Amino acid sequence: TLTSVKTVCSRLRTAVEALPANEQIFAKTQIEDVIDRHFTSE
């Protein structure tokens, strides 16, 4: 389960980083909160 959660979390961060710079900022502010609250706590 840890491996799966970490993989999804990494894929999520990679997908955000692949966005154009202007969209990346918006996505990071939205997604980082979800990652920090849910993925990291899990």
All heavy atoms as atom14 arrays in JSON, in Angstrom:
{
  "sequence": "TLTSVKTVCSRLRTAVEALPANEQIFAKTQIEDVIDRHFTSE",
  "atom14_mask": [
    [1, 1, 1, 1, 1, 1, 1, 0, 0, 0, 0, 0, 0, 0],
    [1, 1, 1, 1, 1, 1, 1, 1, 0, 0, 0, 0, 0, 0],
    [1, 1, 1, 1, 1, 1, 1, 0, 0, 0, 0, 0, 0, 0],
    [1, 1, 1, 1, 1, 1, 0, 0, 0, 0, 0, 0, 0, 0],
    [1, 1, 1, 1, 1, 1, 1, 0, 0, 0, 0, 0, 0, 0],
    [1, 1, 1, 1, 1, 1, 1, 1, 1, 0, 0, 0, 0, 0],
    [1, 1, 1, 1, 1, 1, 1, 0, 0, 0, 0, 0, 0, 0],
    [1, 1, 1, 1, 1, 1, 1, 0, 0, 0, 0, 0, 0, 0],
    [1, 1, 1, 1, 1, 1, 0, 0, 0, 0, 0, 0, 0, 0],
    [1, 1, 1, 1, 1, 1, 0, 0, 0, 0, 0, 0, 0, 0],
    [1, 1, 1, 1, 1, 1, 1, 1, 1, 1, 1, 0, 0, 0],
    [1, 1, 1, 1, 1, 1, 1, 1, 0, 0, 0, 0, 0, 0],
    [1, 1, 1, 1, 1, 1, 1, 1, 1, 1, 1, 0, 0, 0],
    [1, 1, 1, 1, 1, 1, 1, 0, 0, 0, 0, 0, 0, 0],
    [1, 1, 1, 1, 1, 0, 0, 0, 0, 0, 0, 0, 0, 0],
    [1, 1, 1, 1, 1, 1, 1, 0, 0, 0, 0, 0, 0, 0],
    [1, 1, 1, 1, 1, 1, 1, 1, 1, 0, 0, 0, 0, 0],
    [1, 1, 1, 1, 1, 0, 0, 0, 0, 0, 0, 0, 0, 0],
    [1, 1, 1, 1, 1, 1, 1, 1, 0, 0, 0, 0, 0, 0],
    [1, 1, 1, 1, 1, 1, 1, 0, 0, 0, 0, 0, 0, 0],
    [1, 1, 1, 1, 1, 0, 0, 0, 0, 0, 0, 0, 0, 0],
    [1, 1, 1, 1, 1, 1, 1, 1, 0, 0, 0, 0, 0, 0],
    [1, 1, 1, 1, 1, 1, 1, 1, 1, 0, 0, 0, 0, 0],
    [1, 1, 1, 1, 1, 1, 1, 1, 1, 0, 0, 0, 0, 0],
    [1, 1, 1, 1, 1, 1, 1, 1, 0, 0, 0, 0, 0, 0],
    [1, 1, 1, 1, 1, 1, 1, 1, 1, 1, 1, 0, 0, 0],
    [1, 1, 1, 1, 1, 0, 0, 0, 0, 0, 0, 0, 0, 0],
    [1, 1, 1, 1, 1, 1, 1, 1, 1, 0, 0, 0, 0, 0],
    [1, 1, 1, 1, 1, 1, 1, 0, 0, 0, 0, 0, 0, 0],
    [1, 1, 1, 1, 1, 1, 1, 1, 1, 0, 0, 0, 0, 0],
    [1, 1, 1, 1, 1, 1, 1, 1, 0, 0, 0, 0, 0, 0],
    [1, 1, 1, 1, 1, 1, 1, 1, 1, 0, 0, 0, 0, 0],
    [1, 1, 1, 1, 1, 1, 1, 1, 0, 0, 0, 0, 0, 0],
    [1, 1, 1, 1, 1, 1, 1, 0, 0, 0, 0, 0, 0, 0],
    [1, 1, 1, 1, 1, 1, 1, 1, 0, 0, 0, 0, 0, 0],
    [1, 1, 1, 1, 1, 1, 1, 1, 0, 0, 0, 0, 0, 0],
    [1, 1, 1, 1, 1, 1, 1, 1, 1, 1, 1, 0, 0, 0],
    [1, 1, 1, 1, 1, 1, 1, 1, 1, 1, 0, 0, 0, 0],
    [1, 1, 1, 1, 1, 1, 1, 1, 1, 1, 1, 0, 0, 0],
    [1, 1, 1, 1, 1, 1, 1, 0, 0, 0, 0, 0, 0, 0],
    [1, 1, 1, 1, 1, 1, 0, 0, 0, 0, 0, 0, 0, 0],
    [1, 1, 1, 1, 1, 1, 1, 1, 1, 0, 0, 0, 0, 0]
  ],
  "atom14_positions": [
    [[0.84, -1.2, 0.0], [0.0, 0.0, 0.0], [0.87, 1.25, 0.0], [0.59, 2.2, -0.74], [-0.95, 0.0, 1.22], [-1.74, -1.18, 1.19], [-1.84, 1.22, 1.22], [0.0, 0.0, 0.0], [0.0, 0.0, 0.0], [0.0, 0.0, 0.0], [0.0, 0.0, 0.0], [0.0, 0.0, 0.0], [0.0, 0.0, 0.0], [0.0, 0.0, 0.0]],
    [[1.92, 1.26, 0.83], [2.84, 2.4, 0.85], [3.43, 2.64, -0.53], [3.5, 3.79, -0.98], [3.98, 2.13, 1.84], [3.83, 2.68, 3.24], [4.93, 2.12, 4.14], [3.85, 4.17, 3.26], [0.0, 0.0, 0.0], [0.0, 0.0, 0.0], [0.0, 0.0, 0.0], [0.0, 0.0, 0.0], [0.0, 0.0, 0.0], [0.0, 0.0, 0.0]],
    [[3.85, 1.59, -1.18], [4.44, 1.71, -2.51], [3.43, 2.31, -3.49], [3.77, 3.21, -4.25], [4.92, 0.33, -3.01], [5.88, -0.19, -2.08], [5.55, 0.41, -4.38], [0.0, 0.0, 0.0], [0.0, 0.0, 0.0], [0.0, 0.0, 0.0], [0.0, 0.0, 0.0], [0.0, 0.0, 0.0], [0.0, 0.0, 0.0], [0.0, 0.0, 0.0]],
    [[2.2, 1.84, -3.43], [1.16, 2.36, -4.33], [0.87, 3.83, -4.06], [0.78, 4.63, -5.0], [-0.13, 1.56, -4.16], [0.05, 0.24, -4.55], [0.0, 0.0, 0.0], [0.0, 0.0, 0.0], [0.0, 0.0, 0.0], [0.0, 0.0, 0.0], [0.0, 0.0, 0.0], [0.0, 0.0, 0.0], [0.0, 0.0, 0.0], [0.0, 0.0, 0.0]],
    [[0.74, 4.19, -2.8], [0.44, 5.59, -2.45], [1.59, 6.5, -2.89], [1.37, 7.57, -3.47], [0.15, 5.73, -0.94], [0.08, 7.19, -0.53], [-1.14, 5.02, -0.58], [0.0, 0.0, 0.0], [0.0, 0.0, 0.0], [0.0, 0.0, 0.0], [0.0, 0.0, 0.0], [0.0, 0.0, 0.0], [0.0, 0.0, 0.0], [0.0, 0.0, 0.0]],
    [[2.82, 6.06, -2.63], [3.97, 6.87, -3.02], [4.06, 7.01, -4.54], [4.39, 8.09, -5.05], [5.26, 6.25, -2.49], [5.46, 6.42, -1.02], [6.76, 5.73, -0.59], [7.02, 5.84, 0.87], [8.28, 5.16, 1.25], [0.0, 0.0, 0.0], [0.0, 0.0, 0.0], [0.0, 0.0, 0.0], [0.0, 0.0, 0.0], [0.0, 0.0, 0.0]],
    [[3.74, 5.95, -5.27], [3.77, 5.99, -6.73], [2.75, 6.98, -7.27], [3.06, 7.8, -8.13], [3.5, 4.58, -7.31], [4.53, 3.7, -6.84], [3.5, 4.59, -8.82], [0.0, 0.0, 0.0], [0.0, 0.0, 0.0], [0.0, 0.0, 0.0], [0.0, 0.0, 0.0], [0.0, 0.0, 0.0], [0.0, 0.0, 0.0], [0.0, 0.0, 0.0]],
    [[1.54, 6.93, -6.75], [0.49, 7.85, -7.2], [0.88, 9.29, -6.86], [0.73, 10.21, -7.68], [-0.88, 7.49, -6.58], [-1.9, 8.58, -6.84], [-1.37, 6.17, -7.13], [0.0, 0.0, 0.0], [0.0, 0.0, 0.0], [0.0, 0.0, 0.0], [0.0, 0.0, 0.0], [0.0, 0.0, 0.0], [0.0, 0.0, 0.0], [0.0, 0.0, 0.0]],
    [[1.41, 9.49, -5.67], [1.84, 10.82, -5.24], [2.93, 11.35, -6.19], [2.87, 12.5, -6.63], [2.36, 10.75, -3.82], [2.66, 12.33, -3.06], [0.0, 0.0, 0.0], [0.0, 0.0, 0.0], [0.0, 0.0, 0.0], [0.0, 0.0, 0.0], [0.0, 0.0, 0.0], [0.0, 0.0, 0.0], [0.0, 0.0, 0.0], [0.0, 0.0, 0.0]],
    [[3.88, 10.51, -6.52], [4.95, 10.9, -7.43], [4.42, 11.21, -8.83], [4.82, 12.19, -9.46], [5.99, 9.78, -7.49], [6.99, 10.09, -8.42], [0.0, 0.0, 0.0], [0.0, 0.0, 0.0], [0.0, 0.0, 0.0], [0.0, 0.0, 0.0], [0.0, 0.0, 0.0], [0.0, 0.0, 0.0], [0.0, 0.0, 0.0], [0.0, 0.0, 0.0]],
    [[3.5, 10.39, -9.31], [2.89, 10.62, -10.63], [2.13, 11.93, -10.64], [2.14, 12.66, -11.64], [1.99, 9.45, -11.01], [2.78, 8.2, -11.36], [1.92, 7.0, -11.69], [0.81, 7.32, -12.57], [-0.36, 6.68, -12.53], [-0.56, 5.71, -11.67], [-1.32, 7.02, -13.35], [0.0, 0.0, 0.0], [0.0, 0.0, 0.0], [0.0, 0.0, 0.0]],
    [[1.48, 12.23, -9.54], [0.73, 13.47, -9.42], [1.68, 14.68, -9.51], [1.43, 15.62, -10.26], [-0.02, 13.47, -8.09], [-1.12, 14.46, -7.84], [-2.16, 14.43, -8.94], [-1.77, 14.18, -6.5], [0.0, 0.0, 0.0], [0.0, 0.0, 0.0], [0.0, 0.0, 0.0], [0.0, 0.0, 0.0], [0.0, 0.0, 0.0], [0.0, 0.0, 0.0]],
    [[2.77, 14.62, -8.78], [3.75, 15.71, -8.82], [4.37, 15.85, -10.21], [4.56, 16.96, -10.7], [4.83, 15.49, -7.77], [4.36, 15.67, -6.35], [5.52, 15.5, -5.38], [5.09, 15.3, -4.02], [4.84, 16.27, -3.15], [4.96, 17.53, -3.51], [4.47, 16.0, -1.92], [0.0, 0.0, 0.0], [0.0, 0.0, 0.0], [0.0, 0.0, 0.0]],
    [[4.66, 14.72, -10.85], [5.25, 14.74, -12.19], [4.28, 15.36, -13.2], [4.68, 16.14, -14.06], [5.64, 13.31, -12.63], [6.58, 12.8, -11.69], [6.24, 13.28, -14.02], [0.0, 0.0, 0.0], [0.0, 0.0, 0.0], [0.0, 0.0, 0.0], [0.0, 0.0, 0.0], [0.0, 0.0, 0.0], [0.0, 0.0, 0.0], [0.0, 0.0, 0.0]],
    [[2.99, 15.01, -13.06], [1.98, 15.56, -13.97], [1.88, 17.08, -13.81], [1.75, 17.81, -14.8], [0.63, 14.91, -13.7], [0.0, 0.0, 0.0], [0.0, 0.0, 0.0], [0.0, 0.0, 0.0], [0.0, 0.0, 0.0], [0.0, 0.0, 0.0], [0.0, 0.0, 0.0], [0.0, 0.0, 0.0], [0.0, 0.0, 0.0], [0.0, 0.0, 0.0]],
    [[1.97, 17.56, -12.59], [1.91, 19.0, -12.34], [3.14, 19.68, -12.94], [3.05, 20.73, -13.58], [1.79, 19.31, -10.83], [2.0, 20.79, -10.55], [0.42, 18.87, -10.32], [0.0, 0.0, 0.0], [0.0, 0.0, 0.0], [0.0, 0.0, 0.0], [0.0, 0.0, 0.0], [0.0, 0.0, 0.0], [0.0, 0.0, 0.0], [0.0, 0.0, 0.0]],
    [[4.3, 19.08, -12.75], [5.54, 19.66, -13.27], [5.58, 19.68, -14.81], [6.29, 20.48, -15.4], [6.75, 18.91, -12.72], [6.95, 19.17, -11.23], [8.02, 18.28, -10.63], [8.74, 17.59, -11.37], [8.13, 18.29, -9.39], [0.0, 0.0, 0.0], [0.0, 0.0, 0.0], [0.0, 0.0, 0.0], [0.0, 0.0, 0.0], [0.0, 0.0, 0.0]],
    [[4.81, 18.82, -15.44], [4.78, 18.76, -16.9], [3.89, 19.85, -17.52], [3.93, 20.08, -18.73], [4.29, 17.39, -17.36], [0.0, 0.0, 0.0], [0.0, 0.0, 0.0], [0.0, 0.0, 0.0], [0.0, 0.0, 0.0], [0.0, 0.0, 0.0], [0.0, 0.0, 0.0], [0.0, 0.0, 0.0], [0.0, 0.0, 0.0], [0.0, 0.0, 0.0]],
    [[3.12, 20.51, -16.7], [2.24, 21.58, -17.2], [3.05, 22.82, -17.59], [4.16, 23.02, -17.09], [1.24, 21.98, -16.1], [0.18, 20.95, -15.72], [-0.58, 21.44, -14.49], [-0.77, 20.7, -16.87], [0.0, 0.0, 0.0], [0.0, 0.0, 0.0], [0.0, 0.0, 0.0], [0.0, 0.0, 0.0], [0.0, 0.0, 0.0], [0.0, 0.0, 0.0]],
    [[2.49, 23.65, -18.45], [3.14, 24.94, -18.75], [3.29, 25.75, -17.45], [2.5, 25.58, -16.51], [2.18, 25.63, -19.72], [1.31, 24.54, -20.26], [1.26, 23.47, -19.22], [0.0, 0.0, 0.0], [0.0, 0.0, 0.0], [0.0, 0.0, 0.0], [0.0, 0.0, 0.0], [0.0, 0.0, 0.0], [0.0, 0.0, 0.0], [0.0, 0.0, 0.0]],
    [[4.27, 26.63, -17.41], [4.62, 27.37, -16.19], [3.43, 28.09, -15.56], [3.24, 28.03, -14.34], [5.74, 28.36, -16.49], [0.0, 0.0, 0.0], [0.0, 0.0, 0.0], [0.0, 0.0, 0.0], [0.0, 0.0, 0.0], [0.0, 0.0, 0.0], [0.0, 0.0, 0.0], [0.0, 0.0, 0.0], [0.0, 0.0, 0.0], [0.0, 0.0, 0.0]],
    [[2.61, 28.75, -16.36], [1.48, 29.51, -15.79], [0.42, 28.58, -15.17], [-0.2, 28.91, -14.18], [0.86, 30.44, -16.83], [0.32, 29.7, -18.04], [0.76, 28.6, -18.36], [-0.62, 30.32, -18.72], [0.0, 0.0, 0.0], [0.0, 0.0, 0.0], [0.0, 0.0, 0.0], [0.0, 0.0, 0.0], [0.0, 0.0, 0.0], [0.0, 0.0, 0.0]],
    [[0.21, 27.41, -15.76], [-0.74, 26.45, -15.2], [-0.13, 25.7, -14.01], [-0.84, 25.27, -13.11], [-1.17, 25.45, -16.28], [-2.0, 26.08, -17.38], [-2.33, 25.09, -18.49], [-2.13, 23.87, -18.29], [-2.79, 25.54, -19.55], [0.0, 0.0, 0.0], [0.0, 0.0, 0.0], [0.0, 0.0, 0.0], [0.0, 0.0, 0.0], [0.0, 0.0, 0.0]],
    [[1.18, 25.56, -14.04], [1.89, 24.85, -12.98], [1.71, 25.54, -11.63], [1.48, 24.88, -10.62], [3.38, 24.81, -13.34], [4.06, 23.53, -12.97], [5.51, 23.56, -13.36], [6.29, 24.14, -12.63], [5.84, 22.96, -14.49], [0.0, 0.0, 0.0], [0.0, 0.0, 0.0], [0.0, 0.0, 0.0], [0.0, 0.0, 0.0], [0.0, 0.0, 0.0]],
    [[1.78, 26.84, -11.63], [1.62, 27.6, -10.39], [0.24, 27.35, -9.78], [0.11, 27.06, -8.6], [1.86, 29.11, -10.63], [3.31, 29.34, -11.03], [1.49, 29.93, -9.4], [3.59, 30.73, -11.56], [0.0, 0.0, 0.0], [0.0, 0.0, 0.0], [0.0, 0.0, 0.0], [0.0, 0.0, 0.0], [0.0, 0.0, 0.0], [0.0, 0.0, 0.0]],
    [[-0.79, 27.46, -10.62], [-2.15, 27.22, -10.14], [-2.3, 25.78, -9.64], [-2.82, 25.54, -8.54], [-3.17, 27.49, -11.26], [-4.57, 27.15, -10.87], [-5.3, 27.98, -10.03], [-5.16, 25.97, -11.32], [-6.59, 27.66, -9.66], [-6.45, 25.65, -10.94], [-7.17, 26.49, -10.12], [0.0, 0.0, 0.0], [0.0, 0.0, 0.0], [0.0, 0.0, 0.0]],
    [[-1.82, 24.82, -10.43], [-1.96, 23.4, -10.06], [-1.2, 23.1, -8.77], [-1.71, 22.37, -7.91], [-1.46, 22.51, -11.19], [0.0, 0.0, 0.0], [0.0, 0.0, 0.0], [0.0, 0.0, 0.0], [0.0, 0.0, 0.0], [0.0, 0.0, 0.0], [0.0, 0.0, 0.0], [0.0, 0.0, 0.0], [0.0, 0.0, 0.0], [0.0, 0.0, 0.0]],
    [[0.0, 23.67, -8.63], [0.78, 23.42, -7.42], [0.07, 23.92, -6.18], [0.06, 23.25, -5.15], [2.17, 24.04, -7.53], [3.14, 23.2, -8.32], [4.53, 23.81, -8.27], [5.48, 22.91, -9.06], [6.84, 23.42, -9.04], [0.0, 0.0, 0.0], [0.0, 0.0, 0.0], [0.0, 0.0, 0.0], [0.0, 0.0, 0.0], [0.0, 0.0, 0.0]],
    [[-0.53, 25.09, -6.27], [-1.22, 25.62, -5.09], [-2.42, 24.76, -4.72], [-2.74, 24.61, -3.54], [-1.67, 27.08, -5.28], [-2.55, 27.16, -6.4], [-0.49, 28.0, -5.45], [0.0, 0.0, 0.0], [0.0, 0.0, 0.0], [0.0, 0.0, 0.0], [0.0, 0.0, 0.0], [0.0, 0.0, 0.0], [0.0, 0.0, 0.0], [0.0, 0.0, 0.0]],
    [[-3.07, 24.19, -5.71], [-4.23, 23.34, -5.46], [-3.83, 21.92, -5.05], [-4.36, 21.36, -4.11], [-5.13, 23.28, -6.7], [-5.63, 24.62, -7.18], [-6.47, 25.31, -6.12], [-7.37, 24.73, -5.55], [-6.16, 26.57, -5.85], [0.0, 0.0, 0.0], [0.0, 0.0, 0.0], [0.0, 0.0, 0.0], [0.0, 0.0, 0.0], [0.0, 0.0, 0.0]],
    [[-2.9, 21.36, -5.8], [-2.52, 19.95, -5.63], [-1.64, 19.74, -4.39], [-1.8, 18.77, -3.67], [-1.78, 19.42, -6.88], [-2.65, 19.57, -8.12], [-1.32, 18.0, -6.69], [-3.81, 18.64, -8.21], [0.0, 0.0, 0.0], [0.0, 0.0, 0.0], [0.0, 0.0, 0.0], [0.0, 0.0, 0.0], [0.0, 0.0, 0.0], [0.0, 0.0, 0.0]],
    [[-0.7, 20.65, -4.14], [0.21, 20.48, -3.0], [-0.58, 20.35, -1.7], [-0.21, 19.55, -0.83], [1.19, 21.65, -2.9], [2.23, 21.71, -3.99], [3.2, 20.54, -3.99], [3.55, 20.06, -2.89], [3.59, 20.11, -5.08], [0.0, 0.0, 0.0], [0.0, 0.0, 0.0], [0.0, 0.0, 0.0], [0.0, 0.0, 0.0], [0.0, 0.0, 0.0]],
    [[-1.65, 21.1, -1.58], [-2.47, 21.01, -0.37], [-3.07, 19.61, -0.22], [-3.09, 19.03, 0.86], [-3.56, 22.08, -0.4], [-4.37, 22.09, 0.88], [-3.74, 22.12, 1.97], [-5.61, 22.07, 0.8], [0.0, 0.0, 0.0], [0.0, 0.0, 0.0], [0.0, 0.0, 0.0], [0.0, 0.0, 0.0], [0.0, 0.0, 0.0], [0.0, 0.0, 0.0]],
    [[-3.59, 19.08, -1.32], [-4.17, 17.74, -1.31], [-3.1, 16.71, -0.96], [-3.31, 15.82, -0.13], [-4.83, 17.39, -2.68], [-5.2, 15.93, -2.75], [-6.03, 18.28, -2.91], [0.0, 0.0, 0.0], [0.0, 0.0, 0.0], [0.0, 0.0, 0.0], [0.0, 0.0, 0.0], [0.0, 0.0, 0.0], [0.0, 0.0, 0.0], [0.0, 0.0, 0.0]],
    [[-1.93, 16.84, -1.59], [-0.84, 15.9, -1.32], [-0.44, 15.98, 0.15], [-0.31, 14.96, 0.83], [0.37, 16.19, -2.24], [0.03, 15.8, -3.68], [1.61, 15.43, -1.76], [1.08, 16.21, -4.7], [0.0, 0.0, 0.0], [0.0, 0.0, 0.0], [0.0, 0.0, 0.0], [0.0, 0.0, 0.0], [0.0, 0.0, 0.0], [0.0, 0.0, 0.0]],
    [[-0.25, 17.19, 0.64], [0.18, 17.35, 2.03], [-0.86, 16.83, 3.03], [-0.52, 16.16, 3.99], [0.49, 18.82, 2.34], [1.78, 19.27, 1.67], [2.58, 18.4, 1.28], [1.97, 20.49, 1.52], [0.0, 0.0, 0.0], [0.0, 0.0, 0.0], [0.0, 0.0, 0.0], [0.0, 0.0, 0.0], [0.0, 0.0, 0.0], [0.0, 0.0, 0.0]],
    [[-2.11, 17.14, 2.8], [-3.14, 16.74, 3.76], [-3.48, 15.27, 3.69], [-3.66, 14.63, 4.71], [-4.41, 17.56, 3.55], [-4.4, 18.84, 4.35], [-5.75, 19.5, 4.41], [-6.08, 20.03, 3.08], [-7.29, 20.01, 2.55], [-8.28, 19.54, 3.22], [-7.51, 20.51, 1.36], [0.0, 0.0, 0.0], [0.0, 0.0, 0.0], [0.0, 0.0, 0.0]],
    [[-3.61, 14.74, 2.49], [-4.12, 13.38, 2.36], [-3.02, 12.33, 2.15], [-2.93, 11.37, 2.91], [-5.15, 13.31, 1.23], [-6.32, 14.19, 1.48], [-7.25, 13.93, 2.45], [-6.7, 15.36, 0.92], [-8.16, 14.89, 2.47], [-7.85, 15.77, 1.54], [0.0, 0.0, 0.0], [0.0, 0.0, 0.0], [0.0, 0.0, 0.0], [0.0, 0.0, 0.0]],
    [[-2.23, 12.51, 1.13], [-1.21, 11.52, 0.81], [-0.17, 11.42, 1.92], [0.14, 10.33, 2.4], [-0.53, 11.83, -0.53], [-1.38, 11.5, -1.72], [-2.26, 12.43, -2.23], [-1.31, 10.26, -2.32], [-3.05, 12.14, -3.33], [-2.09, 9.95, -3.41], [-2.97, 10.89, -3.92], [0.0, 0.0, 0.0], [0.0, 0.0, 0.0], [0.0, 0.0, 0.0]],
    [[0.36, 12.56, 2.35], [1.41, 12.55, 3.37], [0.89, 11.99, 4.68], [1.57, 11.2, 5.34], [2.0, 13.96, 3.56], [2.46, 14.43, 2.29], [3.14, 13.96, 4.54], [0.0, 0.0, 0.0], [0.0, 0.0, 0.0], [0.0, 0.0, 0.0], [0.0, 0.0, 0.0], [0.0, 0.0, 0.0], [0.0, 0.0, 0.0], [0.0, 0.0, 0.0]],
    [[-0.31, 12.36, 5.07], [-0.84, 11.83, 6.33], [-1.09, 10.33, 6.23], [-0.85, 9.59, 7.19], [-2.11, 12.58, 6.75], [-3.16, 12.33, 5.88], [0.0, 0.0, 0.0], [0.0, 0.0, 0.0], [0.0, 0.0, 0.0], [0.0, 0.0, 0.0], [0.0, 0.0, 0.0], [0.0, 0.0, 0.0], [0.0, 0.0, 0.0], [0.0, 0.0, 0.0]],
    [[-1.54, 9.86, 5.08], [-1.76, 8.42, 4.89], [-0.43, 7.67, 4.93], [-0.31, 6.62, 5.55], [-2.47, 8.15, 3.57], [-2.83, 6.7, 3.35], [-3.83, 6.14, 4.36], [-4.63, 6.91, 4.92], [-3.8, 4.92, 4.59], [0.0, 0.0, 0.0], [0.0, 0.0, 0.0], [0.0, 0.0, 0.0], [0.0, 0.0, 0.0], [0.0, 0.0, 0.0]]
  ]
}
